[in-house]
Structures are given as structure tokens and as C-alpha cells.
């Protein structure tokens, strides 16, 4: 499977096909707080999302250096 197809599948899986590209996902020094009112998510799903996004980030950095 090529990287572009894999990237599109990850974004589709997590309903992020229309997301905008950003340089930084979080503001430096931002303090996060717990929000108990939000919908709970499956930890396996969350881990899969994070790993997929980390992989995509690596691909972007590798190909932007070429």
C-alpha cells in the first residue's frame, strides 16, 4: 500500500477527510483540563488514531525534507 492511500484511509477512518493542515496541533504551554461531560471514547480507538496521526506526521516531515 502506498503512503498516500494509507494516509487517506486513516483520515477517512476517523472522519477527518476535510480537516485543515496545521503546523502545530497545540499551543506551547497550553494547560489542558479534564472535561467529564464529553462522550467517552474507546481507548483502543484512541490509540489507533494517535498512532495513525503520528505516522502521517512522520511522512509529512520525511517528504518535506526532499
C-alpha atoms as a PDB file:
ATOM      1  CA  UNK A   1       0.000   0.000   0.000  1.00  0.00           C
ATOM      2  CA  UNK A   2       1.409   3.409  -0.861  1.00  0.00           C
ATOM      3  CA  UNK A   3       1.699   6.163   1.723  1.00  0.00           C
ATOM      4  CA  UNK A   4      -0.895   8.470   0.152  1.00  0.00           C
ATOM      5  CA  UNK A   5      -3.556   5.757   0.119  1.00  0.00           C
ATOM      6  CA  UNK A   6      -2.719   4.795   3.706  1.00  0.00           C
ATOM      7  CA  UNK A   7      -2.923   8.441   4.796  1.00  0.00           C
ATOM      8  CA  UNK A   8      -6.328   8.872   3.154  1.00  0.00           C
ATOM      9  CA  UNK A   9      -7.608   5.677   4.808  1.00  0.00           C
ATOM     10  CA  UNK A  10      -6.515   6.872   8.256  1.00  0.00           C
ATOM     11  CA  UNK A  11      -8.234  10.228   7.762  1.00  0.00           C
ATOM     12  CA  UNK A  12     -11.382   8.544   6.448  1.00  0.00           C
ATOM     13  CA  UNK A  13     -11.454   6.027   9.324  1.00  0.00           C
ATOM     14  CA  UNK A  14     -11.567   8.846  11.867  1.00  0.00           C
ATOM     15  CA  UNK A  15     -13.824  11.139   9.787  1.00  0.00           C
ATOM     16  CA  UNK A  16     -11.042  13.672   9.250  1.00  0.00           C
ATOM     17  CA  UNK A  17     -11.002  13.827   5.435  1.00  0.00           C
ATOM     18  CA  UNK A  18     -11.909  17.524   5.432  1.00  0.00           C
ATOM     19  CA  UNK A  19      -9.536  18.606   8.184  1.00  0.00           C
ATOM     20  CA  UNK A  20      -7.219  21.539   7.578  1.00  0.00           C
ATOM     21  CA  UNK A  21      -3.453  21.188   7.693  1.00  0.00           C
ATOM     22  CA  UNK A  22      -1.849  22.971  10.650  1.00  0.00           C
ATOM     23  CA  UNK A  23       1.769  23.475  11.676  1.00  0.00           C
ATOM     24  CA  UNK A  24       1.178  22.944  15.399  1.00  0.00           C
ATOM     25  CA  UNK A  25      -1.627  20.891  16.889  1.00  0.00           C
ATOM     26  CA  UNK A  26      -1.416  22.513  20.286  1.00  0.00           C
ATOM     27  CA  UNK A  27      -0.234  25.827  21.591  1.00  0.00           C
ATOM     28  CA  UNK A  28       3.018  25.626  23.565  1.00  0.00           C
ATOM     29  CA  UNK A  29       2.441  25.969  27.292  1.00  0.00           C
ATOM     30  CA  UNK A  30      -1.302  25.381  26.991  1.00  0.00           C
ATOM     31  CA  UNK A  31      -2.711  23.828  30.159  1.00  0.00           C
ATOM     32  CA  UNK A  32      -5.282  21.146  29.484  1.00  0.00           C
ATOM     33  CA  UNK A  33      -8.157  20.383  31.820  1.00  0.00           C
ATOM     34  CA  UNK A  34     -10.381  17.358  32.208  1.00  0.00           C
ATOM     35  CA  UNK A  35     -13.851  17.546  30.685  1.00  0.00           C
ATOM     36  CA  UNK A  36     -16.132  14.913  32.241  1.00  0.00           C
ATOM     37  CA  UNK A  37     -19.127  15.993  30.150  1.00  0.00           C
ATOM     38  CA  UNK A  38     -17.697  14.785  26.848  1.00  0.00           C
ATOM     39  CA  UNK A  39     -18.553  11.471  25.275  1.00  0.00           C
ATOM     40  CA  UNK A  40     -16.230   8.667  26.390  1.00  0.00           C
ATOM     41  CA  UNK A  41     -14.184   7.007  23.652  1.00  0.00           C
ATOM     42  CA  UNK A  42     -12.719   3.553  23.397  1.00  0.00           C
ATOM     43  CA  UNK A  43      -9.044   3.590  24.421  1.00  0.00           C
ATOM     44  CA  UNK A  44      -8.115   1.189  21.602  1.00  0.00           C
ATOM     45  CA  UNK A  45      -9.729   3.504  19.049  1.00  0.00           C
ATOM     46  CA  UNK A  46      -7.930   6.492  20.551  1.00  0.00           C
ATOM     47  CA  UNK A  47      -4.547   4.720  20.470  1.00  0.00           C
ATOM     48  CA  UNK A  48      -5.137   3.742  16.850  1.00  0.00           C
ATOM     49  CA  UNK A  49      -5.951   7.359  15.964  1.00  0.00           C
ATOM     50  CA  UNK A  50      -2.855   8.707  17.720  1.00  0.00           C
ATOM     51  CA  UNK A  51      -0.541   6.143  16.104  1.00  0.00           C
ATOM     52  CA  UNK A  52      -2.010   6.818  12.670  1.00  0.00           C
ATOM     53  CA  UNK A  53      -1.595  10.568  13.062  1.00  0.00           C
ATOM     54  CA  UNK A  54       1.964  10.146  14.342  1.00  0.00           C
ATOM     55  CA  UNK A  55       2.763   8.070  11.263  1.00  0.00           C
ATOM     56  CA  UNK A  56       1.228  10.696   8.966  1.00  0.00           C
ATOM     57  CA  UNK A  57       3.251  13.398  10.703  1.00  0.00           C
ATOM     58  CA  UNK A  58       6.450  11.412  10.105  1.00  0.00           C
ATOM     59  CA  UNK A  59       5.584  11.004   6.415  1.00  0.00           C
ATOM     60  CA  UNK A  60       4.956  14.733   6.062  1.00  0.00           C
ATOM     61  CA  UNK A  61       8.294  15.558   7.672  1.00  0.00           C
ATOM     62  CA  UNK A  62      10.211  12.994   5.598  1.00  0.00           C
ATOM     63  CA  UNK A  63       8.740  14.118   2.277  1.00  0.00           C
ATOM     64  CA  UNK A  64       9.014  17.821   3.050  1.00  0.00           C
ATOM     65  CA  UNK A  65      12.785  17.387   3.510  1.00  0.00           C
ATOM     66  CA  UNK A  66      13.264  16.017  -0.006  1.00  0.00           C
END
